[in-house]
Amino acid sequence: MPMEEELVRRLPFSMPAEQSLLGSVLIDPAALNEIAALINGDDFYLGEHKQIYLAMQELFLSNREIDVVTLIDMLVTRGVYDKSGGEDYIRTLSEAVPDAMNVRDYARIVKEKSVLRQLIAASNEISESAYSEQEEVTAILDHAQNLIFNIAQGRDTKNFRHIREVLQDVYAHLQELRTNAEGTQGVKTGFSALDRVLAGLGRSDLVLVGARPGMGKTSFALNIATNVAKQTKKTVCIFSLEMSADQLVNRVLSSEALVNSHALRTGELEPEDWEHLAVASGELSGCDILIDDTAGMTVTAMKAKLRRVQNLGLVVIDYLGLMQGDHHNDNRVQEVSEISRSLKILAKELMVPVICCAQLSRGPESRTDKRPMLSDLRDSGAIEQDADMVIFLYRSEYYKTDQVSDQNTSIAEVIIAKNRHGAVGSVNMGWNGQYTKFLTIEGEREQG
């Protein structure tokens, strides 16, 4: 149609920027290192330019020289040009710019035009979905938000990515690891003994923290949340479906100020407690910790709120059993399965770790060895499947009623029952009930 042709002609596109970018790489192949994280082949408007860029990537990854001759040979091999064609155009590209100094500026222009084209495509898709009226409004809204969010995050979900592009990203990450190993590892929990096993929480990991009631899973998740907020200076979002925001902050204050949690609840505070609370409050006020205590939240509602958060570093949900599915289901097992899948997708879309607390079934109570197992996960085996890490908390003193005391530090086992990225096993940590605080103990790690 004429209108469609007119629309295609007007799509945002800069021929000089694309040519100058390719020319810069021909002049200085090392420039690929500078732009690898900025653009990919699909950011080029002209198919020919995309193929030239992909051929450059292939030469670069195979440690071959990138020049007019090798590039033409690669393009002929890939079937882009025949043996007699293309050489004049490649030489024109090599003469498009005098040097590669401005390669990042060219890449920025190419990327910006690409983003505008993605927005146009997303708008058309959203418009078609709305006109069709074939889905629920909430589903259309979520899809629309997802499309725009992915574009804003620099992720185009419509196209495949060739492995050579992903390889280049991996190479760039390895280079970062070599020069800044600490800064490029996963999010640290702040517990050194645990971090040695986990090697950090991956940016798109769903981490399940499971325990029987009273074992301290909420405190464990809050301790990690506070550690991450302090160490990374990123925003940590906590969805508290069980406790109010005031109750939750009371727990955090008790842990950080080392003030008895019972004294905080009753107001029976000593003069030195007020000093400790003032110091802890000052530190916590400087942390970007956001709390939502809305009851019965759905994953879609969480996603809508999280997309507006800047500099997001971690999400904590307490707890899975109180979440609701987006679609009412009388079968709770199926509903929990839907929730767990949605949480994993949420972590992947936001590219941050999501820690979700979960209560375990009564299975451990009937066993001689009461340590939790994966089969104790309540309501759904899908939770085990969707989670990247499953961490159980176990304190033997919990089952010895004559020895239970909130006043002394006891031993807590942090059992890594599933770890998609590494080893499983147990780490012994200290648990101080009066401060609702977990502590690192330099002990031996048991192999699982």
Foldseek 3Di string as FASTA:
>chain_A
DVVVVVVLVPQQADPLLLLQLLLQCQQPVVCCLVCLVLDALLLHPDPLSSLLVVLSLVCVVVVHRRHLVSSLVSCCVVVNDPPPDDSVVRVVSNVSDPHNPCNVVSSVSSNVSSLSNLVVVLVVVLVVVVVVPPDDPLVSVLSSVLSNLCSVVVHHPPDDDDVSSVVSVVVSLVVCCVVPVPVSWAQDQQFVLVCVFQRYDFLLFEEEEEEAPPLQSLLSLLSSQQNRQLPVVFAEEEEAQDDDPVLSVLLVLLQQLVAFSVCSVVVVDDPVSVVSSVVSVVSVVSGRYHYHHDWQAELSVVLVVVSPGPRHAEYEYEALVRHFYPDDDPQQLVGSLRRLQSSSVSSVSSSHYYYHYAYFACVLVPDPRSFDALVRGPSYNSNVVSGQWYKYKDFPVVPVVVPDDLADKGKIWTWTRHHNVGFTFIAIWIARNRSSHIGHDPDDTGGD
